[in-house]
C-alpha atoms as a PDB file:
ATOM      1  CA  MET A   1     114.629 101.854 104.561  1.00  0.00           C
ATOM      2  CA  SER A   2     114.235 105.390 106.278  1.00  0.00           C
ATOM      3  CA  LEU A   3     112.280 107.917 104.131  1.00  0.00           C
ATOM      4  CA  THR A   4     111.542 111.901 104.826  1.00  0.00           C
ATOM      5  CA  ALA A   5     108.322 113.335 104.270  1.00  0.00           C
ATOM      6  CA  ALA A   6     109.548 114.850 101.259  1.00  0.00           C
ATOM      7  CA  ASP A   7     109.758 111.503 100.319  1.00  0.00           C
ATOM      8  CA  GLN A   8     106.955 110.493 100.701  1.00  0.00           C
ATOM      9  CA  ALA A   9     104.552 113.110  98.880  1.00  0.00           C
ATOM     10  CA  LEU A  10     102.674 111.716  96.032  1.00  0.00           C
ATOM     11  CA  SER A  11      99.846 114.137  94.281  1.00  0.00           C
ATOM     12  CA  ILE A  12      96.380 114.089  94.921  1.00  0.00           C
ATOM     13  CA  ALA A  13      94.795 113.801  91.643  1.00  0.00           C
ATOM     14  CA  TRP A  14      91.149 114.346  93.332  1.00  0.00           C
ATOM     15  CA  GLU A  15      89.107 114.030  97.133  1.00  0.00           C
ATOM     16  CA  ILE A  16      85.328 113.349  97.846  1.00  0.00           C
ATOM     17  CA  THR A  17      83.599 112.659 100.720  1.00  0.00           C
ATOM     18  CA  VAL A  18      80.357 110.795 100.601  1.00  0.00           C
ATOM     19  CA  ASP A  19      77.199 110.737 103.230  1.00  0.00           C
ATOM     20  CA  ASP A  20      77.878 107.605 104.711  1.00  0.00           C
ATOM     21  CA  ALA A  21      80.829 104.976 105.992  1.00  0.00           C
ATOM     22  CA  PRO A  22      82.445 103.918 102.874  1.00  0.00           C
ATOM     23  CA  VAL A  23      83.077  99.572 103.289  1.00  0.00           C
ATOM     24  CA  ALA A  24      84.079  98.934  99.890  1.00  0.00           C
ATOM     25  CA  LEU A  25      85.937 100.204  96.402  1.00  0.00           C
ATOM     26  CA  SER A  26      86.094  98.649  93.126  1.00  0.00           C
ATOM     27  CA  ALA A  27      88.311 100.102  89.786  1.00  0.00           C
ATOM     28  CA  ARG A  28      87.593  99.416  86.440  1.00  0.00           C
ATOM     29  CA  GLY A  29      88.175 100.786  83.407  1.00  0.00           C
ATOM     30  CA  ASP A  30      87.411 104.828  83.811  1.00  0.00           C
ATOM     31  CA  LEU A  31      85.585 104.289  86.666  1.00  0.00           C
ATOM     32  CA  VAL A  32      85.365 103.692  90.452  1.00  0.00           C
ATOM     33  CA  ALA A  33      82.455 102.625  93.019  1.00  0.00           C
ATOM     34  CA  VAL A  34      82.340 102.854  96.331  1.00  0.00           C
ATOM     35  CA  ALA A  35      79.968 101.273  98.368  1.00  0.00           C
ATOM     36  CA  GLY A  36      79.022 102.706 101.952  1.00  0.00           C
ATOM     37  CA  ALA A  37      77.482 100.563 104.784  1.00  0.00           C
ATOM     38  CA  GLU A  38      74.415 102.249 104.664  1.00  0.00           C
ATOM     39  CA  GLY A  39      73.710 101.074 100.883  1.00  0.00           C
ATOM     40  CA  THR A  40      74.673 104.646  99.295  1.00  0.00           C
ATOM     41  CA  VAL A  41      76.858 103.315  96.405  1.00  0.00           C
ATOM     42  CA  LEU A  42      78.465 106.019  93.992  1.00  0.00           C
ATOM     43  CA  VAL A  43      80.177 105.946  90.754  1.00  0.00           C
ATOM     44  CA  LEU A  44      83.119 108.073  90.010  1.00  0.00           C
ATOM     45  CA  ASP A  45      85.025 109.133  86.942  1.00  0.00           C
ATOM     46  CA  ALA A  46      88.343 107.806  87.861  1.00  0.00           C
ATOM     47  CA  ALA A  47      90.207 110.313  86.353  1.00  0.00           C
ATOM     48  CA  MET A  48      88.059 113.241  88.035  1.00  0.00           C
ATOM     49  CA  GLY A  49      86.162 111.915  90.624  1.00  0.00           C
ATOM     50  CA  ALA A  50      83.365 113.526  89.704  1.00  0.00           C
ATOM     51  CA  GLU A  51      79.907 111.470  90.190  1.00  0.00           C
ATOM     52  CA  MET A  52      78.457 109.422  87.317  1.00  0.00           C
ATOM     53  CA  GLY A  53      75.777 107.574  88.773  1.00  0.00           C
ATOM     54  CA  ALA A  54      74.074 106.944  92.347  1.00  0.00           C
ATOM     55  CA  LEU A  55      71.984 104.299  93.751  1.00  0.00           C
ATOM     56  CA  GLU A  56      70.717 102.925  97.346  1.00  0.00           C
ATOM     57  CA  LEU A  57      70.946  99.232  98.494  1.00  0.00           C
ATOM     58  CA  PRO A  58      67.950  98.847 100.908  1.00  0.00           C
ATOM     59  CA  GLY A  59      69.970  97.261 104.326  1.00  0.00           C
ATOM     60  CA  GLY A  60      73.028  97.892 103.675  1.00  0.00           C
ATOM     61  CA  ALA A  61      76.066  97.243 101.278  1.00  0.00           C
ATOM     62  CA  LEU A  62      79.183  95.261 101.920  1.00  0.00           C
ATOM     63  CA  LYS A  63      80.696  94.305  98.364  1.00  0.00           C
ATOM     64  CA  VAL A  64      80.476  96.422  95.224  1.00  0.00           C
ATOM     65  CA  GLU A  65      81.763  95.497  91.938  1.00  0.00           C
ATOM     66  CA  LEU A  66      82.284  96.782  88.624  1.00  0.00           C
ATOM     67  CA  SER A  67      82.184  94.668  84.990  1.00  0.00           C
ATOM     68  CA  PRO A  68      85.553  94.145  83.138  1.00  0.00           C
ATOM     69  CA  ALA A  69      84.931  97.132  80.685  1.00  0.00           C
ATOM     70  CA  ALA A  70      82.864  99.278  83.467  1.00  0.00           C
ATOM     71  CA  VAL A  71      79.653  99.008  81.529  1.00  0.00           C
ATOM     72  CA  ASN A  72      77.467  97.590  84.690  1.00  0.00           C
ATOM     73  CA  LEU A  73      77.425  97.336  88.367  1.00  0.00           C
ATOM     74  CA  ALA A  74      76.742  94.904  90.972  1.00  0.00           C
ATOM     75  CA  VAL A  75      76.216  95.826  94.927  1.00  0.00           C
ATOM     76  CA  THR A  76      75.890  93.056  97.612  1.00  0.00           C
ATOM     77  CA  GLY A  77      74.341  93.375 100.977  1.00  0.00           C
ATOM     78  CA  PRO A  78      72.603  92.089 103.817  1.00  0.00           C
ATOM     79  CA  MET A  79      69.053  92.119 102.374  1.00  0.00           C
ATOM     80  CA  GLY A  80      69.573  91.321  98.949  1.00  0.00           C
ATOM     81  CA  TYR A  81      71.936  93.284  95.784  1.00  0.00           C
ATOM     82  CA  ALA A  82      71.651  95.627  93.205  1.00  0.00           C
ATOM     83  CA  LEU A  83      72.653  95.993  89.712  1.00  0.00           C
ATOM     84  CA  TRP A  84      73.194  99.572  88.171  1.00  0.00           C
ATOM     85  CA  ARG A  85      73.556 100.002  84.219  1.00  0.00           C
ATOM     86  CA  ARG A  86      75.802 102.946  82.970  1.00  0.00           C
ATOM     87  CA  SER A  87      73.961 103.086  79.476  1.00  0.00           C
ATOM     88  CA  ASP A  88      71.273 104.584  81.234  1.00  0.00           C
ATOM     89  CA  GLY A  89      71.287 104.358  84.786  1.00  0.00           C
ATOM     90  CA  ARG A  90      69.277 101.775  85.720  1.00  0.00           C
ATOM     91  CA  VAL A  91      69.210  99.881  88.648  1.00  0.00           C
ATOM     92  CA  HIS A  92      67.684  96.614  89.453  1.00  0.00           C
ATOM     93  CA  VAL A  93      67.206  95.979  92.758  1.00  0.00           C
ATOM     94  CA  ARG A  94      66.286  92.272  94.516  1.00  0.00           C
ATOM     95  CA  GLU A  95      65.666  92.356  98.537  1.00  0.00           C
ATOM     96  CA  SER A  96      65.630  88.842  99.156  1.00  0.00           C
ATOM     97  CA  GLY A  97      66.189  88.902 102.583  1.00  0.00           C
ATOM     98  CA  ALA A  98      69.204  86.484 101.982  1.00  0.00           C
ATOM     99  CA  TRP A  99      72.764  88.014 103.058  1.00  0.00           C
ATOM    100  CA  ALA A 100      74.792  88.596  99.900  1.00  0.00           C
ATOM    101  CA  SER A 101      78.303  88.317 100.658  1.00  0.00           C
ATOM    102  CA  SER A 102      79.885  89.090  96.924  1.00  0.00           C
ATOM    103  CA  ALA A 103      79.134  89.156  93.422  1.00  0.00           C
ATOM    104  CA  ALA A 104      81.573  88.398  90.300  1.00  0.00           C
ATOM    105  CA  TRP A 105      81.403  88.807  86.789  1.00  0.00           C
ATOM    106  CA  ALA A 106      82.073  86.830  84.124  1.00  0.00           C
ATOM    107  CA  ASP A 107      81.793  89.174  81.465  1.00  0.00           C
ATOM    108  CA  ASP A 108      80.123  91.958  81.390  1.00  0.00           C
ATOM    109  CA  GLU A 109      76.610  90.473  80.474  1.00  0.00           C
ATOM    110  CA  ARG A 110      76.891  87.776  83.120  1.00  0.00           C
ATOM    111  CA  VAL A 111      77.507  88.277  87.108  1.00  0.00           C
ATOM    112  CA  ALA A 112      76.837  85.949  89.378  1.00  0.00           C
ATOM    113  CA  VAL A 113      75.856  86.722  92.929  1.00  0.00           C
ATOM    114  CA  ALA A 114      75.826  84.850  96.392  1.00  0.00           C
ATOM    115  CA  SER A 115      72.447  84.815  97.628  1.00  0.00           C
ATOM    116  CA  GLY A 116      72.074  82.801 100.769  1.00  0.00           C
ATOM    117  CA  ARG A 117      72.693  78.954 100.681  1.00  0.00           C
ATOM    118  CA  VAL A 118      72.807  79.593  96.658  1.00  0.00           C
ATOM    119  CA  ALA A 119      74.886  81.077  93.866  1.00  0.00           C
ATOM    120  CA  VAL A 120      72.721  82.813  90.941  1.00  0.00           C
ATOM    121  CA  VAL A 121      73.759  83.939  87.536  1.00  0.00           C
ATOM    122  CA  ARG A 122      72.071  86.639  86.097  1.00  0.00           C
ATOM    123  CA  ASP A 123      72.407  88.822  83.149  1.00  0.00           C
ATOM    124  CA  ALA A 124      72.911  92.481  82.912  1.00  0.00           C
ATOM    125  CA  ASP A 125      69.618  93.380  82.876  1.00  0.00           C
ATOM    126  CA  GLY A 126      68.814  91.334  86.093  1.00  0.00           C
ATOM    127  CA  GLY A 127      67.246  88.391  83.963  1.00  0.00           C
ATOM    128  CA  GLU A 128      67.768  84.943  85.830  1.00  0.00           C
ATOM    129  CA  LEU A 129      70.025  82.634  83.562  1.00  0.00           C
ATOM    130  CA  TRP A 130      71.021  79.873  85.905  1.00  0.00           C
ATOM    131  CA  ARG A 131      71.581  79.278  90.078  1.00  0.00           C
ATOM    132  CA  THR A 132      73.255  76.454  92.196  1.00  0.00           C
ATOM    133  CA  GLU A 133      71.658  73.868  94.136  1.00  0.00           C
ATOM    134  CA  ARG A 134      71.485  75.201  97.877  1.00  0.00           C
ATOM    135  CA  ALA A 135      74.922  74.761  99.656  1.00  0.00           C
ATOM    136  CA  ALA A 136      75.188  73.551 103.372  1.00  0.00           C
ATOM    137  CA  SER A 137      75.343  76.567 104.460  1.00  0.00           C
ATOM    138  CA  THR A 138      75.659  80.648 103.796  1.00  0.00           C
ATOM    139  CA  VAL A 139      77.374  81.242 100.101  1.00  0.00           C
ATOM    140  CA  SER A 140      80.635  83.170 101.485  1.00  0.00           C
ATOM    141  CA  ASP A 141      82.239  83.941  98.550  1.00  0.00           C
ATOM    142  CA  LEU A 142      82.751  83.227  94.588  1.00  0.00           C
ATOM    143  CA  ALA A 143      84.623  83.418  91.198  1.00  0.00           C
ATOM    144  CA  TRP A 144      85.083  83.094  87.743  1.00  0.00           C
ATOM    145  CA  LEU A 145      87.529  80.598  86.291  1.00  0.00           C
ATOM    146  CA  ARG A 146      88.409  79.531  82.426  1.00  0.00           C
ATOM    147  CA  GLN A 147      87.582  82.585  81.215  1.00  0.00           C
ATOM    148  CA  GLY A 148      83.962  82.860  82.980  1.00  0.00           C
ATOM    149  CA  ARG A 149      83.049  79.058  81.874  1.00  0.00           C
ATOM    150  CA  ARG A 150      83.546  77.683  85.682  1.00  0.00           C
ATOM    151  CA  LEU A 151      82.108  79.222  88.727  1.00  0.00           C
ATOM    152  CA  ALA A 152      83.600  78.546  92.064  1.00  0.00           C
ATOM    153  CA  VAL A 153      81.743  78.512  95.079  1.00  0.00           C
ATOM    154  CA  ALA A 154      82.715  78.827  98.753  1.00  0.00           C
ATOM    155  CA  ALA A 155      80.730  77.646 101.465  1.00  0.00           C
ATOM    156  CA  TYR A 156      81.113  75.437 104.825  1.00  0.00           C
ATOM    157  CA  GLY A 157      82.652  72.484 103.692  1.00  0.00           C
ATOM    158  CA  ALA A 158      83.900  72.873 100.411  1.00  0.00           C
ATOM    159  CA  VAL A 159      84.638  74.878  97.434  1.00  0.00           C
ATOM    160  CA  ARG A 160      82.363  73.390  94.343  1.00  0.00           C
ATOM    161  CA  GLY A 161      83.271  74.125  90.916  1.00  0.00           C
ATOM    162  CA  HIS A 162      79.903  74.350  88.504  1.00  0.00           C
ATOM    163  CA  GLU A 163      80.277  75.153  84.976  1.00  0.00           C
ATOM    164  CA  ARG A 164      77.441  77.137  83.106  1.00  0.00           C
ATOM    165  CA  HIS A 165      74.050  75.884  83.438  1.00  0.00           C
ATOM    166  CA  THR A 166      74.745  73.050  85.627  1.00  0.00           C
ATOM    167  CA  PRO A 167      72.948  73.218  89.396  1.00  0.00           C
ATOM    168  CA  GLN A 168      75.318  70.157  90.351  1.00  0.00           C
ATOM    169  CA  PRO A 169      78.760  71.053  90.991  1.00  0.00           C
ATOM    170  CA  VAL A 170      81.266  68.888  88.427  1.00  0.00           C
ATOM    171  CA  VAL A 171      84.106  69.092  90.979  1.00  0.00           C
ATOM    172  CA  THR A 172      84.047  69.645  95.009  1.00  0.00           C
ATOM    173  CA  TYR A 173      86.964  70.721  96.923  1.00  0.00           C
ATOM    174  CA  PRO A 174      86.760  69.680 100.615  1.00  0.00           C
ATOM    175  CA  TYR A 175      87.494  71.502 103.562  1.00  0.00           C
ATOM    176  CA  VAL A 176      85.957  71.192 106.886  1.00  0.00           C
ATOM    177  CA  GLY A 177      85.991  74.854 107.749  1.00  0.00           C
ATOM    178  CA  SER A 178      84.030  78.105 106.949  1.00  0.00           C
ATOM    179  CA  HIS A 179      85.682  80.235 104.161  1.00  0.00           C
ATOM    180  CA  LEU A 180      85.893  83.746 104.306  1.00  0.00           C
ATOM    181  CA  ALA A 181      87.487  84.517 101.006  1.00  0.00           C
ATOM    182  CA  LEU A 182      87.933  82.980  97.604  1.00  0.00           C
ATOM    183  CA  ALA A 183      91.070  83.663  95.434  1.00  0.00           C
ATOM    184  CA  VAL A 184      91.772  82.208  92.064  1.00  0.00           C
ATOM    185  CA  ALA A 185      94.849  82.902  90.218  1.00  0.00           C
ATOM    186  CA  PRO A 186      94.244  84.360  86.876  1.00  0.00           C
ATOM    187  CA  THR A 187      95.508  81.230  85.126  1.00  0.00           C
ATOM    188  CA  GLY A 188      92.873  78.784  86.628  1.00  0.00           C
ATOM    189  CA  LYS A 189      95.931  77.084  88.390  1.00  0.00           C
ATOM    190  CA  TRP A 190      94.781  77.441  91.990  1.00  0.00           C
ATOM    191  CA  ILE A 191      91.899  78.254  93.557  1.00  0.00           C
ATOM    192  CA  CYS A 192      92.933  79.298  97.537  1.00  0.00           C
ATOM    193  CA  SER A 193      90.485  80.012 100.335  1.00  0.00           C
ATOM    194  CA  GLY A 194      91.090  82.466 103.597  1.00  0.00           C
ATOM    195  CA  ASN A 195      89.729  80.556 106.447  1.00  0.00           C
ATOM    196  CA  GLN A 196      87.799  81.062 109.828  1.00  0.00           C
ATOM    197  CA  ASP A 197      90.063  78.681 111.168  1.00  0.00           C
ATOM    198  CA  ALA A 198      93.395  81.151 110.431  1.00  0.00           C
ATOM    199  CA  SER A 199      94.609  78.693 107.953  1.00  0.00           C
ATOM    200  CA  ILE A 200      94.969  79.290 103.976  1.00  0.00           C
ATOM    201  CA  HIS A 201      93.618  75.754 101.995  1.00  0.00           C
ATOM    202  CA  ILE A 202      94.976  75.788  98.186  1.00  0.00           C
ATOM    203  CA  TRP A 203      93.705  73.304  95.638  1.00  0.00           C
ATOM    204  CA  ARG A 204      95.204  72.785  92.552  1.00  0.00           C
ATOM    205  CA  THR A 205      92.311  72.486  89.680  1.00  0.00           C
ATOM    206  CA  ARG A 206      94.346  70.308  87.662  1.00  0.00           C
ATOM    207  CA  ASP A 207      94.298  67.121  89.909  1.00  0.00           C
ATOM    208  CA  GLY A 208      92.618  68.329  92.960  1.00  0.00           C
ATOM    209  CA  SER A 209      95.770  68.309  94.944  1.00  0.00           C
ATOM    210  CA  GLU A 210      96.046  70.097  98.227  1.00  0.00           C
ATOM    211  CA  LEU A 211      98.103  72.047 100.747  1.00  0.00           C
ATOM    212  CA  THR A 212      97.120  74.059 104.166  1.00  0.00           C
ATOM    213  CA  MET A 213      98.921  76.759 105.383  1.00  0.00           C
ATOM    214  CA  SER A 214      97.855  76.945 109.193  1.00  0.00           C
ATOM    215  CA  GLY A 215      99.842  78.971 112.073  1.00  0.00           C
ATOM    216  CA  TYR A 216      98.214  82.515 111.264  1.00  0.00           C
ATOM    217  CA  PRO A 217      97.711  84.149 114.466  1.00  0.00           C
ATOM    218  CA  GLU A 218      94.298  85.413 112.820  1.00  0.00           C
ATOM    219  CA  LYS A 219      91.444  84.778 110.607  1.00  0.00           C
ATOM    220  CA  VAL A 220      92.264  85.217 106.675  1.00  0.00           C
ATOM    221  CA  SER A 221      89.729  87.057 105.312  1.00  0.00           C
ATOM    222  CA  ARG A 222      91.624  88.960 102.288  1.00  0.00           C
ATOM    223  CA  LEU A 223      93.230  86.868  99.761  1.00  0.00           C
ATOM    224  CA  ALA A 224      94.248  88.556  96.106  1.00  0.00           C
ATOM    225  CA  PHE A 225      96.483  87.205  93.466  1.00  0.00           C
ATOM    226  CA  ASP A 226      98.643  89.797  91.695  1.00  0.00           C
ATOM    227  CA  ASP A 227      98.276  89.689  87.880  1.00  0.00           C
ATOM    228  CA  THR A 228     101.044  87.454  86.735  1.00  0.00           C
ATOM    229  CA  GLY A 229      99.168  84.835  88.974  1.00  0.00           C
ATOM    230  CA  ARG A 230     102.450  83.527  90.436  1.00  0.00           C
ATOM    231  CA  TRP A 231     101.930  85.792  93.679  1.00  0.00           C
ATOM    232  CA  LEU A 232      99.117  86.007  96.487  1.00  0.00           C
ATOM    233  CA  ALA A 233      98.885  87.965  99.393  1.00  0.00           C
ATOM    234  CA  ALA A 234      96.864  87.287 102.315  1.00  0.00           C
ATOM    235  CA  ASP A 235      96.092  89.240 106.134  1.00  0.00           C
ATOM    236  CA  GLY A 236      95.891  87.312 108.915  1.00  0.00           C
ATOM    237  CA  ALA A 237      98.410  88.711 110.825  1.00  0.00           C
ATOM    238  CA  PRO A 238     100.151  92.279 111.954  1.00  0.00           C
ATOM    239  CA  ASP A 239     102.088  90.815 108.921  1.00  0.00           C
ATOM    240  CA  LEU A 240     100.874  90.621 105.416  1.00  0.00           C
ATOM    241  CA  THR A 241     102.179  87.052 104.007  1.00  0.00           C
ATOM    242  CA  VAL A 242     103.087  87.203 100.359  1.00  0.00           C
ATOM    243  CA  TRP A 243     103.827  83.607  98.905  1.00  0.00           C
ATOM    244  CA  ASP A 244     105.028  82.141  95.786  1.00  0.00           C
ATOM    245  CA  PHE A 245     103.156  80.286  93.518  1.00  0.00           C
ATOM    246  CA  SER A 246     105.843  79.407  90.496  1.00  0.00           C
ATOM    247  CA  GLY A 247     106.724  75.809  89.803  1.00  0.00           C
ATOM    248  CA  LYS A 248     105.190  73.429  91.988  1.00  0.00           C
ATOM    249  CA  GLY A 249     103.511  75.907  93.992  1.00  0.00           C
ATOM    250  CA  PRO A 250     104.173  77.048  97.712  1.00  0.00           C
ATOM    251  CA  ALA A 251     104.841  73.715  99.530  1.00  0.00           C
ATOM    252  CA  GLY A 252     107.704  73.488 101.444  1.00  0.00           C
ATOM    253  CA  THR A 253     108.519  77.431 101.345  1.00  0.00           C
ATOM    254  CA  ALA A 254     108.065  80.393 103.623  1.00  0.00           C
ATOM    255  CA  PRO A 255     106.082  83.445 102.925  1.00  0.00           C
ATOM    256  CA  ARG A 256     107.693  86.997 102.289  1.00  0.00           C
ATOM    257  CA  GLN A 257     106.579  89.094 105.418  1.00  0.00           C
ATOM    258  CA  LEU A 258     105.278  92.839 105.280  1.00  0.00           C
ATOM    259  CA  ARG A 259     105.439  94.829 108.439  1.00  0.00           C
ATOM    260  CA  CYS A 260     103.547  98.104 108.667  1.00  0.00           C
ATOM    261  CA  HIS A 261      99.927  97.931 110.050  1.00  0.00           C
ATOM    262  CA  GLU A 262      98.659  96.730 113.894  1.00  0.00           C
ATOM    263  CA  THR A 263      95.413  95.272 111.682  1.00  0.00           C
ATOM    264  CA  ILE A 264      95.478  95.402 108.233  1.00  0.00           C
ATOM    265  CA  THR A 265      92.063  96.433 106.859  1.00  0.00           C
ATOM    266  CA  ALA A 266      92.551  96.634 102.804  1.00  0.00           C
ATOM    267  CA  LEU A 267      95.009  95.033 100.146  1.00  0.00           C
ATOM    268  CA  ALA A 268      95.660  95.146  96.103  1.00  0.00           C
ATOM    269  CA  TRP A 269      97.897  94.424  93.726  1.00  0.00           C
ATOM    270  CA  ARG A 270      99.229  96.807  91.355  1.00  0.00           C
ATOM    271  CA  PRO A 271      98.103  96.078  87.616  1.00  0.00           C
ATOM    272  CA  GLY A 272     100.885  94.677  85.972  1.00  0.00           C
ATOM    273  CA  SER A 273     103.879  92.433  86.667  1.00  0.00           C
ATOM    274  CA  GLY A 274     105.929  94.732  89.071  1.00  0.00           C
ATOM    275  CA  GLY A 275     105.193  93.056  92.655  1.00  0.00           C
ATOM    276  CA  HIS A 276     103.747  96.428  93.948  1.00  0.00           C
ATOM    277  CA  LEU A 277     101.429  96.088  96.570  1.00  0.00           C
ATOM    278  CA  ALA A 278      99.342  98.819  98.359  1.00  0.00           C
ATOM    279  CA  SER A 279      97.764  97.804 101.925  1.00  0.00           C
ATOM    280  CA  GLY A 280      95.783  99.872 104.535  1.00  0.00           C
ATOM    281  CA  GLY A 281      95.228 100.083 108.111  1.00  0.00           C
ATOM    282  CA  HIS A 282      92.707 100.288 110.923  1.00  0.00           C
ATOM    283  CA  ASN A 283      95.319 103.316 112.373  1.00  0.00           C
ATOM    284  CA  GLY A 284      94.478 105.125 108.763  1.00  0.00           C
ATOM    285  CA  THR A 285      98.005 104.276 107.427  1.00  0.00           C
ATOM    286  CA  VAL A 286      98.201 103.182 103.322  1.00  0.00           C
ATOM    287  CA  ALA A 287     101.451 101.918 102.444  1.00  0.00           C
ATOM    288  CA  LEU A 288     102.556 100.839  98.917  1.00  0.00           C
ATOM    289  CA  TRP A 289     105.380  97.851  98.955  1.00  0.00           C
ATOM    290  CA  TYR A 290     107.982  95.861  96.752  1.00  0.00           C
ATOM    291  CA  ALA A 291     106.124  93.215  97.905  1.00  0.00           C
ATOM    292  CA  THR A 292     108.180  90.580  95.628  1.00  0.00           C
ATOM    293  CA  ALA A 293     111.484  91.851  96.541  1.00  0.00           C
ATOM    294  CA  GLY A 294     114.317  89.461  98.311  1.00  0.00           C
ATOM    295  CA  GLN A 295     114.250  85.996  99.590  1.00  0.00           C
ATOM    296  CA  PRO A 296     111.559  83.731 101.289  1.00  0.00           C
ATOM    297  CA  ALA A 297     110.964  84.250 104.647  1.00  0.00           C
ATOM    298  CA  ASN A 298     112.212  88.215 104.304  1.00  0.00           C
ATOM    299  CA  ARG A 299     109.968  91.053 106.254  1.00  0.00           C
ATOM    300  CA  LEU A 300     109.855  93.555 104.221  1.00  0.00           C
ATOM    301  CA  ARG A 301     109.070  97.530 105.013  1.00  0.00           C
ATOM    302  CA  PRO A 302     107.080  99.597 102.671  1.00  0.00           C
ATOM    303  CA  VAL A 303     108.575 101.811 100.363  1.00  0.00           C
ATOM    304  CA  ARG A 304     106.238 104.315 100.595  1.00  0.00           C
ATOM    305  CA  VAL A 305     103.631 105.210 103.623  1.00  0.00           C
ATOM    306  CA  LEU A 306     100.616 107.686 103.872  1.00  0.00           C
ATOM    307  CA  ASP A 307      99.482 108.571 107.532  1.00  0.00           C
ATOM    308  CA  ASP A 308      98.067 111.433 106.823  1.00  0.00           C
ATOM    309  CA  ALA A 309      94.221 110.410 107.986  1.00  0.00           C
ATOM    310  CA  ASP A 310      92.784 109.293 111.348  1.00  0.00           C
ATOM    311  CA  SER A 311      90.265 107.532 110.340  1.00  0.00           C
ATOM    312  CA  PRO A 312      90.563 103.709 109.545  1.00  0.00           C
ATOM    313  CA  VAL A 313      90.680 102.920 105.955  1.00  0.00           C
ATOM    314  CA  ALA A 314      88.057 100.839 104.385  1.00  0.00           C
ATOM    315  CA  ALA A 315      89.277  99.901 100.902  1.00  0.00           C
ATOM    316  CA  VAL A 316      92.023 100.489  98.207  1.00  0.00           C
ATOM    317  CA  ALA A 317      92.054  99.842  94.902  1.00  0.00           C
ATOM    318  CA  TRP A 318      93.746 100.651  91.930  1.00  0.00           C
ATOM    319  CA  ALA A 319      92.476 102.386  88.944  1.00  0.00           C
ATOM    320  CA  GLY A 320      95.148 101.635  86.374  1.00  0.00           C
ATOM    321  CA  PRO A 321      98.766 101.671  87.808  1.00  0.00           C
ATOM    322  CA  HIS A 322      99.278 104.831  88.105  1.00  0.00           C
ATOM    323  CA  LEU A 323      96.194 105.936  90.315  1.00  0.00           C
ATOM    324  CA  LEU A 324      95.192 104.630  94.044  1.00  0.00           C
ATOM    325  CA  VAL A 325      91.900 105.200  95.293  1.00  0.00           C
ATOM    326  CA  THR A 326      91.742 105.147  99.248  1.00  0.00           C
ATOM    327  CA  ALA A 327      88.358 104.892 101.306  1.00  0.00           C
ATOM    328  CA  TYR A 328      88.390 105.940 104.679  1.00  0.00           C
ATOM    329  CA  ARG A 329      85.480 104.909 107.377  1.00  0.00           C
ATOM    330  CA  ASP A 330      85.024 108.614 108.019  1.00  0.00           C
ATOM    331  CA  GLY A 331      83.875 108.746 104.233  1.00  0.00           C
ATOM    332  CA  ARG A 332      86.408 110.061 102.525  1.00  0.00           C
ATOM    333  CA  VAL A 333      87.548 108.649  99.305  1.00  0.00           C
ATOM    334  CA  ARG A 334      91.058 110.322  97.829  1.00  0.00           C
ATOM    335  CA  ALA A 335      92.819 109.280  94.381  1.00  0.00           C
ATOM    336  CA  HIS A 336      96.690 109.677  94.658  1.00  0.00           C
ATOM    337  CA  THR A 337      98.908 109.317  91.395  1.00  0.00           C
ATOM    338  CA  VAL A 338     101.410 107.145  91.889  1.00  0.00           C
ATOM    339  CA  PRO A 339     104.705 107.097  89.725  1.00  0.00           C
ATOM    340  CA  SER A 340     106.265 103.839  87.650  1.00  0.00           C
ATOM    341  CA  ARG A 341     108.637 101.679  89.882  1.00  0.00           C
ATOM    342  CA  ALA A 342     111.674 103.758  88.596  1.00  0.00           C
ATOM    343  CA  GLU A 343     110.307 106.868  90.436  1.00  0.00           C
ATOM    344  CA  LEU A 344     108.412 104.939  93.208  1.00  0.00           C
END
């Protein structure tokens, strides 16, 4: 599909520059949070880009995560993590000295943080509620299932499921390898890990049956389900792959392939069930896709490309269905207004 420059134009809602190199974005409710490599975290009004709060995480930042209603925030980094409370701007910093890879909110009052070889569950004020037993290696990612009643924790050799206040796992999904990213279907039916050995491993939570999709040319470090739980997007190659998890899952099927970037640096599904995906590349390109169009094994092209940046894309996030926020490594954070599917 060929598009002219005029076709590509999307209105810019706002743009700011932060005094740090962005590494992560989170968008929930009416807020957007951007975290920088040196530990600077800004909380912005999604509609206007105005600063609503700020904090610093000693040792730098890796990821940032707003709670579902955007009333609290967690930021993780190589030396610890911090919690921010919107109501009064209170910041609780935990300099544990342990690699904190990620955080996940069960709801607005409980957050799980990967901290070295354990996952620690804390309340919004920073109080510890419980923690998992030590894993064999550093926890690389975690996610909640069953509306925050079960925590999936990924570390070398397995993904383990913990019920609330149970340090020992109640279920173990083994896989001999290093997990880099974890994605849980919103339905709770599937757990997927992107791995150092250039594969995606899948478990069906109901019976523990498993499947490996191997053969990726590069490690798989980014995974995301859409809101329906049917579609899984992954990196691991110059092409993005999109797998169909309907029915019995992707066994025996081929993914849709989305080609635009030489190196993928970010991906995020648009809220809703329209099958829209945004991706970012090292060359500064942001692409918008009808990612579920066509048939399996189809190679798709983007429907829009935003290539007016000369800095690598660090992260993309949707602040609702009509606002796409992009962070670039040079410090720019830009929000584009995106039309509906009929106009896209």
